Amino acid sequence: MRTRGFQGAEVGAVGLGLMGMSWAYSASERDDAASRELIREAVGLGVTFLDTAQVYGDGHNEELVGRALEGLRDQVVLATKTGLVVDDARTHAMHRDGSPEHVRRSLEESLRRLGTDTVDLYYLHRVDPEVPLAETWGAMAELVAEGKARHLGLSEVTAAQAAQAHGIHPVAAVQSELSLWTRDAMGASGGTGKQGPDFPAADTGGETGDVLGWCAANGAAFVPFSPLGRGFLTGSVTAGGLEEGDFRAGNPRFREEAMRENRRIVEVVRRIAERHGSTPARVAIAWTLAQGDHVIPIPGTKKSRYLHDNAGAAGFDLTPADLEELDGVPAAVGDRY
């Protein structure tokens, strides 16, 4: 697989988001043993940028990842997150906690579950409006000084928040949703919403600024989650096909009327895929990769065939004409949360 740089290390240009193995999507398809094997298969393919979080299954995902990486830990860049606390795993209800006490305690818990002495990238999952960002970020910086985390990142922040944190301790990565139907992080409007059933959305009033550009200018990786539009951009998701408990069933963009309108985006992706004898997934992920050499998308999957398809996007090059056509797709209908 082609690689991209991350803080002096080389990682696969396409990473792996691990949330769906424990949380939010298609509970009937979860299989811990199969997921552990899939993670090991991913590493073998060169997918070495792995993303988990404390709240994914209220610790379950970190335990799963820790077991999967036995004997492989040194081959990957491993990221986890703090700042969110699960209140009810069944409904995905949670609250923010950016207190220094929580930041420290949650990393200790994460290290234990992951079976490692240090994480390569420790994200603040969401900024806590009740705690000054400088206070939270300062506590996280202390953990780097102690050797418990190598680098720090932010998730779903504005460019101004990233700059504030960077002035205290270097921001190594910013993770935000970015795909052909969600371009908020590029400074475009995209219906951020105030609160999501899976995670609280950023409190930005819909304006994030050009976070993607800020990362490029400041030596930080930009890490798009949901580059496949939570599966929608592959054309395989239908409103009636979402099982009970799948959070997408309550997502505005996955309501039947919105999905019908948003099929216009899928049609463009499919047309370009057919032109190249490729797949919609590869086209959608390749578009995120084309946004800059500092971009490392982390599509998630629980299935080997999708893993191979997603990983193949690292070697798939879109033409200037393809990019122009994709850049011109219509805006998504419906808030993303």
C-alpha atoms as a PDB file:
ATOM      1  CA  MET A   1       0.000   0.000   0.000  1.00  0.00           C
ATOM      2  CA  ARG A   2       1.084   3.573  -0.624  1.00  0.00           C
ATOM      3  CA  THR A   3       2.043   5.345   2.560  1.00  0.00           C
ATOM      4  CA  ARG A   4       1.701   8.783   4.065  1.00  0.00           C
ATOM      5  CA  GLY A   5       3.725  10.444   6.757  1.00  0.00           C
ATOM      6  CA  PHE A   6       2.536  10.902  10.304  1.00  0.00           C
ATOM      7  CA  GLN A   7       4.880  12.708  12.691  1.00  0.00           C
ATOM      8  CA  GLY A   8       7.994  11.095  11.282  1.00  0.00           C
ATOM      9  CA  ALA A   9       6.429   7.659  10.782  1.00  0.00           C
ATOM     10  CA  GLU A  10       5.070   6.067   7.614  1.00  0.00           C
ATOM     11  CA  VAL A  11       1.529   4.676   7.756  1.00  0.00           C
ATOM     12  CA  GLY A  12      -0.793   3.196   5.181  1.00  0.00           C
ATOM     13  CA  ALA A  13      -2.509   5.985   3.233  1.00  0.00           C
ATOM     14  CA  VAL A  14      -5.863   4.454   4.184  1.00  0.00           C
ATOM     15  CA  GLY A  15      -6.410   3.657   7.848  1.00  0.00           C
ATOM     16  CA  LEU A  16      -9.112   1.713   9.670  1.00  0.00           C
ATOM     17  CA  GLY A  17     -11.857   3.077  11.896  1.00  0.00           C
ATOM     18  CA  LEU A  18     -12.817   0.447  14.447  1.00  0.00           C
ATOM     19  CA  MET A  19     -15.990   1.889  15.990  1.00  0.00           C
ATOM     20  CA  GLY A  20     -18.472  -0.259  14.062  1.00  0.00           C
ATOM     21  CA  MET A  21     -17.004  -3.441  15.499  1.00  0.00           C
ATOM     22  CA  SER A  22     -18.462  -2.488  18.890  1.00  0.00           C
ATOM     23  CA  TRP A  23     -20.848   0.436  18.557  1.00  0.00           C
ATOM     24  CA  ALA A  24     -23.584   2.246  16.607  1.00  0.00           C
ATOM     25  CA  TYR A  25     -23.903   0.117  13.450  1.00  0.00           C
ATOM     26  CA  SER A  26     -25.569  -3.240  12.696  1.00  0.00           C
ATOM     27  CA  ALA A  27     -25.301  -4.987  16.042  1.00  0.00           C
ATOM     28  CA  SER A  28     -26.354  -8.327  14.526  1.00  0.00           C
ATOM     29  CA  GLU A  29     -23.182  -8.388  12.432  1.00  0.00           C
ATOM     30  CA  ARG A  30     -20.753  -7.952  15.333  1.00  0.00           C
ATOM     31  CA  ASP A  31     -18.383 -10.833  15.934  1.00  0.00           C
ATOM     32  CA  ASP A  32     -15.400 -10.234  18.209  1.00  0.00           C
ATOM     33  CA  ALA A  33     -13.338 -13.142  16.907  1.00  0.00           C
ATOM     34  CA  ALA A  34     -13.928 -12.142  13.287  1.00  0.00           C
ATOM     35  CA  SER A  35     -13.136  -8.512  14.094  1.00  0.00           C
ATOM     36  CA  ARG A  36      -9.844  -9.436  15.718  1.00  0.00           C
ATOM     37  CA  GLU A  37      -8.890 -11.411  12.625  1.00  0.00           C
ATOM     38  CA  LEU A  38      -9.932  -8.522  10.403  1.00  0.00           C
ATOM     39  CA  ILE A  39      -7.674  -6.121  12.307  1.00  0.00           C
ATOM     40  CA  ARG A  40      -4.747  -8.489  11.897  1.00  0.00           C
ATOM     41  CA  GLU A  41      -5.576  -8.889   8.216  1.00  0.00           C
ATOM     42  CA  ALA A  42      -5.633  -5.103   7.852  1.00  0.00           C
ATOM     43  CA  VAL A  43      -2.158  -4.762   9.312  1.00  0.00           C
ATOM     44  CA  GLY A  44      -0.940  -7.398   6.868  1.00  0.00           C
ATOM     45  CA  LEU A  45      -2.342  -5.308   4.006  1.00  0.00           C
ATOM     46  CA  GLY A  46      -0.458  -2.244   5.210  1.00  0.00           C
ATOM     47  CA  VAL A  47      -3.444  -0.609   6.913  1.00  0.00           C
ATOM     48  CA  THR A  48      -1.439   0.554   9.905  1.00  0.00           C
ATOM     49  CA  PHE A  49      -3.259   3.685  11.135  1.00  0.00           C
ATOM     50  CA  LEU A  50      -5.847   2.309  13.576  1.00  0.00           C
ATOM     51  CA  ASP A  51      -8.511   4.343  15.343  1.00  0.00           C
ATOM     52  CA  THR A  52     -10.490   3.445  18.462  1.00  0.00           C
ATOM     53  CA  ALA A  53     -11.950   5.326  21.449  1.00  0.00           C
ATOM     54  CA  GLN A  54     -12.901   4.747  25.042  1.00  0.00           C
ATOM     55  CA  VAL A  55     -16.620   5.239  24.365  1.00  0.00           C
ATOM     56  CA  TYR A  56     -16.875   2.733  21.505  1.00  0.00           C
ATOM     57  CA  GLY A  57     -18.880   0.101  23.313  1.00  0.00           C
ATOM     58  CA  ASP A  58     -17.925   1.673  26.654  1.00  0.00           C
ATOM     59  CA  GLY A  59     -14.432   0.169  26.573  1.00  0.00           C
ATOM     60  CA  HIS A  60     -15.295  -2.926  24.561  1.00  0.00           C
ATOM     61  CA  ASN A  61     -13.596  -1.748  21.388  1.00  0.00           C
ATOM     62  CA  GLU A  62     -10.318  -0.975  23.114  1.00  0.00           C
ATOM     63  CA  GLU A  63     -10.266  -4.430  24.688  1.00  0.00           C
ATOM     64  CA  LEU A  64     -10.967  -6.009  21.305  1.00  0.00           C
ATOM     65  CA  VAL A  65      -8.172  -4.013  19.667  1.00  0.00           C
ATOM     66  CA  GLY A  66      -5.743  -4.824  22.434  1.00  0.00           C
ATOM     67  CA  ARG A  67      -6.257  -8.544  21.940  1.00  0.00           C
ATOM     68  CA  ALA A  68      -6.063  -8.227  18.144  1.00  0.00           C
ATOM     69  CA  LEU A  69      -2.719  -6.423  18.281  1.00  0.00           C
ATOM     70  CA  GLU A  70      -0.910  -8.961  20.407  1.00  0.00           C
ATOM     71  CA  GLY A  71       2.447  -9.371  18.692  1.00  0.00           C
ATOM     72  CA  LEU A  72       1.654  -6.562  16.217  1.00  0.00           C
ATOM     73  CA  ARG A  73       1.629  -3.460  18.401  1.00  0.00           C
ATOM     74  CA  ASP A  74       4.927  -2.091  17.070  1.00  0.00           C
ATOM     75  CA  GLN A  75       3.663  -2.300  13.484  1.00  0.00           C
ATOM     76  CA  VAL A  76       0.841   0.221  13.864  1.00  0.00           C
ATOM     77  CA  VAL A  77       0.068   3.797  14.819  1.00  0.00           C
ATOM     78  CA  LEU A  78      -2.656   3.393  17.423  1.00  0.00           C
ATOM     79  CA  ALA A  79      -5.067   6.179  18.291  1.00  0.00           C
ATOM     80  CA  THR A  80      -7.673   6.395  21.036  1.00  0.00           C
ATOM     81  CA  LYS A  81      -9.740   9.216  22.511  1.00  0.00           C
ATOM     82  CA  THR A  82     -10.898  10.844  25.729  1.00  0.00           C
ATOM     83  CA  GLY A  83     -13.466  13.461  26.701  1.00  0.00           C
ATOM     84  CA  LEU A  84     -16.724  11.553  26.325  1.00  0.00           C
ATOM     85  CA  VAL A  85     -18.393   9.347  28.949  1.00  0.00           C
ATOM     86  CA  VAL A  86     -21.066   6.758  28.184  1.00  0.00           C
ATOM     87  CA  ASP A  87     -24.296   7.133  30.152  1.00  0.00           C
ATOM     88  CA  ASP A  88     -26.297   4.418  28.401  1.00  0.00           C
ATOM     89  CA  ALA A  89     -24.589   2.082  25.941  1.00  0.00           C
ATOM     90  CA  ARG A  90     -27.912   0.825  24.588  1.00  0.00           C
ATOM     91  CA  THR A  91     -29.051   4.267  23.440  1.00  0.00           C
ATOM     92  CA  HIS A  92     -25.537   5.648  22.854  1.00  0.00           C
ATOM     93  CA  ALA A  93     -26.261   8.436  25.337  1.00  0.00           C
ATOM     94  CA  MET A  94     -23.164  10.191  26.660  1.00  0.00           C
ATOM     95  CA  HIS A  95     -21.841  13.421  28.061  1.00  0.00           C
ATOM     96  CA  ARG A  96     -18.618  15.397  27.748  1.00  0.00           C
ATOM     97  CA  ASP A  97     -15.927  15.513  30.401  1.00  0.00           C
ATOM     98  CA  GLY A  98     -12.804  17.476  29.625  1.00  0.00           C
ATOM     99  CA  SER A  99     -11.613  17.730  33.206  1.00  0.00           C
ATOM    100  CA  PRO A 100      -7.926  16.986  33.805  1.00  0.00           C
ATOM    101  CA  GLU A 101      -8.962  14.241  36.225  1.00  0.00           C
ATOM    102  CA  HIS A 102     -10.999  12.465  33.570  1.00  0.00           C
ATOM    103  CA  VAL A 103      -8.355  12.901  30.883  1.00  0.00           C
ATOM    104  CA  ARG A 104      -5.731  11.272  33.085  1.00  0.00           C
ATOM    105  CA  ARG A 105      -7.974   8.517  34.459  1.00  0.00           C
ATOM    106  CA  SER A 106      -9.379   7.566  31.079  1.00  0.00           C
ATOM    107  CA  LEU A 107      -5.926   7.184  29.523  1.00  0.00           C
ATOM    108  CA  GLU A 108      -4.874   4.860  32.324  1.00  0.00           C
ATOM    109  CA  GLU A 109      -7.995   2.792  31.630  1.00  0.00           C
ATOM    110  CA  SER A 110      -7.363   2.853  27.888  1.00  0.00           C
ATOM    111  CA  LEU A 111      -3.767   1.691  28.271  1.00  0.00           C
ATOM    112  CA  ARG A 112      -4.921  -1.215  30.408  1.00  0.00           C
ATOM    113  CA  ARG A 113      -7.581  -2.281  27.917  1.00  0.00           C
ATOM    114  CA  LEU A 114      -5.275  -1.856  24.926  1.00  0.00           C
ATOM    115  CA  GLY A 115      -2.482  -3.782  26.619  1.00  0.00           C
ATOM    116  CA  THR A 116       0.138  -1.152  25.877  1.00  0.00           C
ATOM    117  CA  ASP A 117       2.320   1.310  27.774  1.00  0.00           C
ATOM    118  CA  THR A 118       1.658   4.207  25.453  1.00  0.00           C
ATOM    119  CA  VAL A 119      -0.689   5.268  22.665  1.00  0.00           C
ATOM    120  CA  ASP A 120       0.688   6.884  19.540  1.00  0.00           C
ATOM    121  CA  LEU A 121      -2.122   9.424  19.246  1.00  0.00           C
ATOM    122  CA  TYR A 122      -4.433  10.601  22.021  1.00  0.00           C
ATOM    123  CA  TYR A 123      -7.420  12.623  20.855  1.00  0.00           C
ATOM    124  CA  LEU A 124      -9.781  14.911  22.696  1.00  0.00           C
ATOM    125  CA  HIS A 125     -12.991  13.402  21.344  1.00  0.00           C
ATOM    126  CA  ARG A 126     -15.077  16.532  21.892  1.00  0.00           C
ATOM    127  CA  VAL A 127     -14.291  19.862  23.518  1.00  0.00           C
ATOM    128  CA  ASP A 128     -16.127  20.232  26.829  1.00  0.00           C
ATOM    129  CA  PRO A 129     -17.760  23.692  26.912  1.00  0.00           C
ATOM    130  CA  GLU A 130     -17.684  23.587  30.719  1.00  0.00           C
ATOM    131  CA  VAL A 131     -13.899  23.219  30.873  1.00  0.00           C
ATOM    132  CA  PRO A 132     -11.456  25.653  29.234  1.00  0.00           C
ATOM    133  CA  LEU A 133      -9.761  23.968  26.292  1.00  0.00           C
ATOM    134  CA  ALA A 134      -6.384  25.156  27.600  1.00  0.00           C
ATOM    135  CA  GLU A 135      -6.999  23.276  30.846  1.00  0.00           C
ATOM    136  CA  THR A 136      -7.942  20.027  29.099  1.00  0.00           C
ATOM    137  CA  TRP A 137      -5.150  20.278  26.549  1.00  0.00           C
ATOM    138  CA  GLY A 138      -2.582  21.135  29.190  1.00  0.00           C
ATOM    139  CA  ALA A 139      -3.470  17.977  31.119  1.00  0.00           C
ATOM    140  CA  MET A 140      -3.125  15.930  27.948  1.00  0.00           C
ATOM    141  CA  ALA A 141       0.276  17.499  27.292  1.00  0.00           C
ATOM    142  CA  GLU A 142       1.411  16.338  30.712  1.00  0.00           C
ATOM    143  CA  LEU A 143       0.606  12.771  29.657  1.00  0.00           C
ATOM    144  CA  VAL A 144       2.898  13.166  26.658  1.00  0.00           C
ATOM    145  CA  ALA A 145       5.660  14.378  28.968  1.00  0.00           C
ATOM    146  CA  GLU A 146       5.105  11.254  31.075  1.00  0.00           C
ATOM    147  CA  GLY A 147       5.452   9.006  28.015  1.00  0.00           C
ATOM    148  CA  LYS A 148       1.879   7.677  28.132  1.00  0.00           C
ATOM    149  CA  ALA A 149       0.979   9.267  24.800  1.00  0.00           C
ATOM    150  CA  ARG A 150       3.300  10.158  21.934  1.00  0.00           C
ATOM    151  CA  HIS A 151       1.147  12.731  20.144  1.00  0.00           C
ATOM    152  CA  LEU A 152      -2.093  14.632  20.712  1.00  0.00           C
ATOM    153  CA  GLY A 153      -5.069  15.217  18.456  1.00  0.00           C
ATOM    154  CA  LEU A 154      -8.464  16.889  18.387  1.00  0.00           C
ATOM    155  CA  SER A 155     -11.783  15.679  17.022  1.00  0.00           C
ATOM    156  CA  GLU A 156     -14.556  17.789  15.500  1.00  0.00           C
ATOM    157  CA  VAL A 157     -13.119  21.188  16.343  1.00  0.00           C
ATOM    158  CA  THR A 158     -13.013  24.548  14.636  1.00  0.00           C
ATOM    159  CA  ALA A 159      -9.855  25.948  13.094  1.00  0.00           C
ATOM    160  CA  ALA A 160      -9.773  28.503  15.915  1.00  0.00           C
ATOM    161  CA  GLN A 161      -9.881  25.775  18.563  1.00  0.00           C
ATOM    162  CA  ALA A 162      -7.111  23.874  16.792  1.00  0.00           C
ATOM    163  CA  ALA A 163      -4.979  27.008  16.729  1.00  0.00           C
ATOM    164  CA  GLN A 164      -5.620  27.650  20.423  1.00  0.00           C
ATOM    165  CA  ALA A 165      -4.548  24.141  21.383  1.00  0.00           C
ATOM    166  CA  HIS A 166      -1.543  24.236  19.048  1.00  0.00           C
ATOM    167  CA  GLY A 167      -0.240  27.275  20.883  1.00  0.00           C
ATOM    168  CA  ILE A 168      -0.018  25.174  24.059  1.00  0.00           C
ATOM    169  CA  HIS A 169       1.174  21.825  22.682  1.00  0.00           C
ATOM    170  CA  PRO A 170       1.521  20.680  19.052  1.00  0.00           C
ATOM    171  CA  VAL A 171      -1.634  19.312  17.438  1.00  0.00           C
ATOM    172  CA  ALA A 172      -0.527  16.215  15.538  1.00  0.00           C
ATOM    173  CA  ALA A 173      -3.897  15.424  13.981  1.00  0.00           C
ATOM    174  CA  VAL A 174      -7.449  16.648  13.667  1.00  0.00           C
ATOM    175  CA  GLN A 175     -10.167  14.067  13.071  1.00  0.00           C
ATOM    176  CA  SER A 176     -13.443  15.254  11.585  1.00  0.00           C
ATOM    177  CA  GLU A 177     -16.089  13.945   9.265  1.00  0.00           C
ATOM    178  CA  LEU A 178     -15.175  14.555   5.629  1.00  0.00           C
ATOM    179  CA  SER A 179     -16.690  12.994   2.554  1.00  0.00           C
ATOM    180  CA  LEU A 180     -18.402  13.898  -0.684  1.00  0.00           C
ATOM    181  CA  TRP A 181     -21.534  14.738   1.293  1.00  0.00           C
ATOM    182  CA  THR A 182     -19.910  16.366   4.355  1.00  0.00           C
ATOM    183  CA  ARG A 183     -17.447  19.191   3.682  1.00  0.00           C
ATOM    184  CA  ASP A 184     -17.738  21.313   6.826  1.00  0.00           C
ATOM    185  CA  ALA A 185     -14.038  20.852   7.611  1.00  0.00           C
ATOM    186  CA  MET A 186     -13.171  22.503   4.301  1.00  0.00           C
ATOM    187  CA  GLY A 187     -15.012  25.628   5.378  1.00  0.00           C
ATOM    188  CA  ALA A 188     -18.145  24.639   3.467  1.00  0.00           C
ATOM    189  CA  SER A 189     -21.599  24.546   4.997  1.00  0.00           C
ATOM    190  CA  GLY A 190     -22.877  21.071   5.649  1.00  0.00           C
ATOM    191  CA  GLY A 191     -25.538  20.950   8.335  1.00  0.00           C
ATOM    192  CA  THR A 192     -23.450  20.206  11.388  1.00  0.00           C
ATOM    193  CA  GLY A 193     -26.341  19.977  13.816  1.00  0.00           C
ATOM    194  CA  LYS A 194     -26.152  20.447  17.555  1.00  0.00           C
ATOM    195  CA  GLN A 195     -26.370  16.949  18.936  1.00  0.00           C
ATOM    196  CA  GLY A 196     -26.029  13.476  17.499  1.00  0.00           C
ATOM    197  CA  PRO A 197     -27.402  10.153  18.739  1.00  0.00           C
ATOM    198  CA  ASP A 198     -23.934   8.645  18.465  1.00  0.00           C
ATOM    199  CA  PHE A 199     -21.771  11.569  19.558  1.00  0.00           C
ATOM    200  CA  PRO A 200     -22.353  15.203  20.427  1.00  0.00           C
ATOM    201  CA  ALA A 201     -21.621  17.299  17.377  1.00  0.00           C
ATOM    202  CA  ALA A 202     -19.260  20.244  17.532  1.00  0.00           C
ATOM    203  CA  ASP A 203     -20.844  23.379  19.022  1.00  0.00           C
ATOM    204  CA  THR A 204     -19.788  25.601  16.151  1.00  0.00           C
ATOM    205  CA  GLY A 205     -23.035  27.088  14.933  1.00  0.00           C
ATOM    206  CA  GLY A 206     -22.320  25.352  11.628  1.00  0.00           C
ATOM    207  CA  GLU A 207     -19.063  27.267  11.039  1.00  0.00           C
ATOM    208  CA  THR A 208     -15.784  25.399  11.504  1.00  0.00           C
ATOM    209  CA  GLY A 209     -13.478  27.358   9.229  1.00  0.00           C
ATOM    210  CA  ASP A 210     -11.009  25.639   6.932  1.00  0.00           C
ATOM    211  CA  VAL A 211      -9.754  22.965   9.323  1.00  0.00           C
ATOM    212  CA  LEU A 212      -8.325  20.934   6.455  1.00  0.00           C
ATOM    213  CA  GLY A 213      -6.229  23.905   5.367  1.00  0.00           C
ATOM    214  CA  TRP A 214      -5.201  24.696   8.931  1.00  0.00           C
ATOM    215  CA  CYS A 215      -3.803  21.184   9.309  1.00  0.00           C
ATOM    216  CA  ALA A 216      -1.819  21.467   6.079  1.00  0.00           C
ATOM    217  CA  ALA A 217      -0.342  24.798   7.172  1.00  0.00           C
ATOM    218  CA  ASN A 218       0.599  23.562  10.652  1.00  0.00           C
ATOM    219  CA  GLY A 219       2.062  20.131  10.002  1.00  0.00           C
ATOM    220  CA  ALA A 220      -0.917  18.189  11.331  1.00  0.00           C
ATOM    221  CA  ALA A 221      -2.581  15.189   9.746  1.00  0.00           C
ATOM    222  CA  PHE A 222      -6.226  15.523   8.826  1.00  0.00           C
ATOM    223  CA  VAL A 223      -8.099  12.296   9.522  1.00  0.00           C
ATOM    224  CA  PRO A 224     -11.521  11.977   7.846  1.00  0.00           C
ATOM    225  CA  PHE A 225     -13.955   9.656   9.554  1.00  0.00           C
ATOM    226  CA  SER A 226     -16.957   8.341   7.614  1.00  0.00           C
ATOM    227  CA  PRO A 227     -15.335   8.991   4.198  1.00  0.00           C
ATOM    228  CA  LEU A 228     -18.017   6.693   2.765  1.00  0.00           C
ATOM    229  CA  GLY A 229     -20.858   8.738   4.251  1.00  0.00           C
ATOM    230  CA  ARG A 230     -21.563   6.037   6.840  1.00  0.00           C
ATOM    231  CA  GLY A 231     -21.881   3.582   3.964  1.00  0.00           C
ATOM    232  CA  PHE A 232     -24.336   5.657   1.940  1.00  0.00           C
ATOM    233  CA  LEU A 233     -21.871   6.646  -0.804  1.00  0.00           C
ATOM    234  CA  THR A 234     -21.311   3.011  -1.743  1.00  0.00           C
ATOM    235  CA  GLY A 235     -24.959   2.773  -2.777  1.00  0.00           C
ATOM    236  CA  SER A 236     -25.534  -0.216  -0.504  1.00  0.00           C
ATOM    237  CA  VAL A 237     -27.539   1.465   2.286  1.00  0.00           C
ATOM    238  CA  THR A 238     -31.310   1.806   2.134  1.00  0.00           C
ATOM    239  CA  ALA A 239     -33.676   3.338   4.681  1.00  0.00           C
ATOM    240  CA  GLY A 240     -35.552   0.066   5.086  1.00  0.00           C
ATOM    241  CA  GLY A 241     -32.339  -1.907   5.414  1.00  0.00           C
ATOM    242  CA  LEU A 242     -31.194  -0.367   8.701  1.00  0.00           C
ATOM    243  CA  GLU A 243     -31.821  -2.632  11.655  1.00  0.00           C
ATOM    244  CA  GLU A 244     -33.243  -1.549  14.977  1.00  0.00           C
ATOM    245  CA  GLY A 245     -30.568   0.034  17.153  1.00  0.00           C
ATOM    246  CA  ASP A 246     -28.504   1.271  14.201  1.00  0.00           C
ATOM    247  CA  PHE A 247     -28.111   4.961  14.948  1.00  0.00           C
ATOM    248  CA  ARG A 248     -28.372   5.853  11.253  1.00  0.00           C
ATOM    249  CA  ALA A 249     -32.053   5.012  11.398  1.00  0.00           C
ATOM    250  CA  GLY A 250     -32.599   8.250  13.312  1.00  0.00           C
ATOM    251  CA  ASN A 251     -30.115  10.319  11.328  1.00  0.00           C
ATOM    252  CA  PRO A 252     -31.733  13.087   9.223  1.00  0.00           C
ATOM    253  CA  ARG A 253     -29.735  12.149   6.133  1.00  0.00           C
ATOM    254  CA  PHE A 254     -30.954   8.552   6.313  1.00  0.00           C
ATOM    255  CA  ARG A 255     -34.636   9.398   6.321  1.00  0.00           C
ATOM    256  CA  GLU A 256     -36.341   8.133   3.203  1.00  0.00           C
ATOM    257  CA  GLU A 257     -36.975  11.517   1.585  1.00  0.00           C
ATOM    258  CA  ALA A 258     -33.420  12.743   2.219  1.00  0.00           C
ATOM    259  CA  MET A 259     -31.917   9.494   0.974  1.00  0.00           C
ATOM    260  CA  ARG A 260     -33.936   9.756  -2.203  1.00  0.00           C
ATOM    261  CA  GLU A 261     -32.519  13.246  -2.842  1.00  0.00           C
ATOM    262  CA  ASN A 262     -28.998  12.241  -1.830  1.00  0.00           C
ATOM    263  CA  ARG A 263     -28.929   9.425  -4.379  1.00  0.00           C
ATOM    264  CA  ARG A 264     -27.860  12.119  -6.844  1.00  0.00           C
ATOM    265  CA  ILE A 265     -24.466  12.092  -5.143  1.00  0.00           C
ATOM    266  CA  VAL A 266     -24.229   8.314  -5.318  1.00  0.00           C
ATOM    267  CA  GLU A 267     -25.039   8.373  -9.022  1.00  0.00           C
ATOM    268  CA  VAL A 268     -22.018  10.566  -9.749  1.00  0.00           C
ATOM    269  CA  VAL A 269     -19.744   8.347  -7.667  1.00  0.00           C
ATOM    270  CA  ARG A 270     -21.039   5.221  -9.382  1.00  0.00           C
ATOM    271  CA  ARG A 271     -20.618   6.735 -12.840  1.00  0.00           C
ATOM    272  CA  ILE A 272     -16.969   7.547 -12.201  1.00  0.00           C
ATOM    273  CA  ALA A 273     -16.366   4.106 -10.697  1.00  0.00           C
ATOM    274  CA  GLU A 274     -17.807   2.436 -13.794  1.00  0.00           C
ATOM    275  CA  ARG A 275     -15.666   4.637 -16.018  1.00  0.00           C
ATOM    276  CA  HIS A 276     -12.553   3.224 -14.315  1.00  0.00           C
ATOM    277  CA  GLY A 277     -13.791  -0.321 -13.774  1.00  0.00           C
ATOM    278  CA  SER A 278     -13.536   0.365 -10.042  1.00  0.00           C
ATOM    279  CA  THR A 279     -15.946   0.647  -7.118  1.00  0.00           C
ATOM    280  CA  PRO A 280     -17.870   3.527  -5.521  1.00  0.00           C
ATOM    281  CA  ALA A 281     -15.992   2.976  -2.255  1.00  0.00           C
ATOM    282  CA  ARG A 282     -12.627   3.480  -3.911  1.00  0.00           C
ATOM    283  CA  VAL A 283     -13.813   6.601  -5.701  1.00  0.00           C
ATOM    284  CA  ALA A 284     -15.219   8.150  -2.513  1.00  0.00           C
ATOM    285  CA  ILE A 285     -12.125   7.398  -0.434  1.00  0.00           C
ATOM    286  CA  ALA A 286      -9.784   8.490  -3.234  1.00  0.00           C
ATOM    287  CA  TRP A 287     -11.555  11.866  -3.284  1.00  0.00           C
ATOM    288  CA  THR A 288     -10.631  12.403   0.374  1.00  0.00           C
ATOM    289  CA  LEU A 289      -7.031  11.362  -0.333  1.00  0.00           C
ATOM    290  CA  ALA A 290      -6.906  13.896  -3.154  1.00  0.00           C
ATOM    291  CA  GLN A 291      -7.591  16.734  -0.714  1.00  0.00           C
ATOM    292  CA  GLY A 292      -3.957  16.766   0.427  1.00  0.00           C
ATOM    293  CA  ASP A 293      -0.950  14.611   1.222  1.00  0.00           C
ATOM    294  CA  HIS A 294      -1.660  15.153   4.925  1.00  0.00           C
ATOM    295  CA  VAL A 295      -5.051  13.406   4.695  1.00  0.00           C
ATOM    296  CA  ILE A 296      -5.386   9.865   6.110  1.00  0.00           C
ATOM    297  CA  PRO A 297      -8.996   8.597   5.868  1.00  0.00           C
ATOM    298  CA  ILE A 298     -10.197   5.899   8.258  1.00  0.00           C
ATOM    299  CA  PRO A 299     -13.138   4.032   6.702  1.00  0.00           C
ATOM    300  CA  GLY A 300     -14.604   1.407   8.993  1.00  0.00           C
ATOM    301  CA  THR A 301     -15.745  -2.104   8.159  1.00  0.00           C
ATOM    302  CA  LYS A 302     -16.357  -5.500   9.719  1.00  0.00           C
ATOM    303  CA  LYS A 303     -15.970  -7.463   6.482  1.00  0.00           C
ATOM    304  CA  SER A 304     -12.833  -8.617   4.681  1.00  0.00           C
ATOM    305  CA  ARG A 305     -14.102  -7.857   1.173  1.00  0.00           C
ATOM    306  CA  TYR A 306     -14.831  -4.254   2.147  1.00  0.00           C
ATOM    307  CA  LEU A 307     -11.467  -3.966   3.864  1.00  0.00           C
ATOM    308  CA  HIS A 308      -9.714  -4.938   0.626  1.00  0.00           C
ATOM    309  CA  ASP A 309     -11.922  -2.601  -1.388  1.00  0.00           C
ATOM    310  CA  ASN A 310     -11.242   0.332   0.922  1.00  0.00           C
ATOM    311  CA  ALA A 311      -7.512  -0.349   1.088  1.00  0.00           C
ATOM    312  CA  GLY A 312      -7.391  -0.402  -2.701  1.00  0.00           C
ATOM    313  CA  ALA A 313      -8.307   3.284  -2.748  1.00  0.00           C
ATOM    314  CA  ALA A 314      -4.726   4.071  -1.709  1.00  0.00           C
ATOM    315  CA  GLY A 315      -3.565   3.049  -5.184  1.00  0.00           C
ATOM    316  CA  PHE A 316      -6.474   4.521  -7.127  1.00  0.00           C
ATOM    317  CA  ASP A 317      -5.844   7.863  -8.827  1.00  0.00           C
ATOM    318  CA  LEU A 318      -8.673  10.130  -9.878  1.00  0.00           C
ATOM    319  CA  THR A 319      -8.135  12.266 -12.977  1.00  0.00           C
ATOM    320  CA  PRO A 320      -8.521  16.054 -12.932  1.00  0.00           C
ATOM    321  CA  ALA A 321     -11.810  15.586 -14.803  1.00  0.00           C
ATOM    322  CA  ASP A 322     -13.007  13.099 -12.185  1.00  0.00           C
ATOM    323  CA  LEU A 323     -12.154  15.508  -9.378  1.00  0.00           C
ATOM    324  CA  GLU A 324     -13.923  18.375 -11.089  1.00  0.00           C
ATOM    325  CA  GLU A 325     -17.044  16.257 -11.473  1.00  0.00           C
ATOM    326  CA  LEU A 326     -16.914  15.089  -7.858  1.00  0.00           C
ATOM    327  CA  ASP A 327     -16.265  18.575  -6.544  1.00  0.00           C
ATOM    328  CA  GLY A 328     -19.455  19.626  -8.252  1.00  0.00           C
ATOM    329  CA  VAL A 329     -21.788  17.061  -6.695  1.00  0.00           C
ATOM    330  CA  PRO A 330     -24.870  18.597  -5.070  1.00  0.00           C
ATOM    331  CA  ALA A 331     -24.895  19.403  -1.383  1.00  0.00           C
ATOM    332  CA  ALA A 332     -26.350  16.708   0.854  1.00  0.00           C
ATOM    333  CA  VAL A 333     -29.944  17.019   1.970  1.00  0.00           C
ATOM    334  CA  GLY A 334     -30.396  16.758   5.737  1.00  0.00           C
ATOM    335  CA  ASP A 335     -28.222  17.536   8.743  1.00  0.00           C
ATOM    336  CA  ARG A 336     -25.516  14.988   9.469  1.00  0.00           C
ATOM    337  CA  TYR A 337     -26.713  14.660  13.084  1.00  0.00           C
END
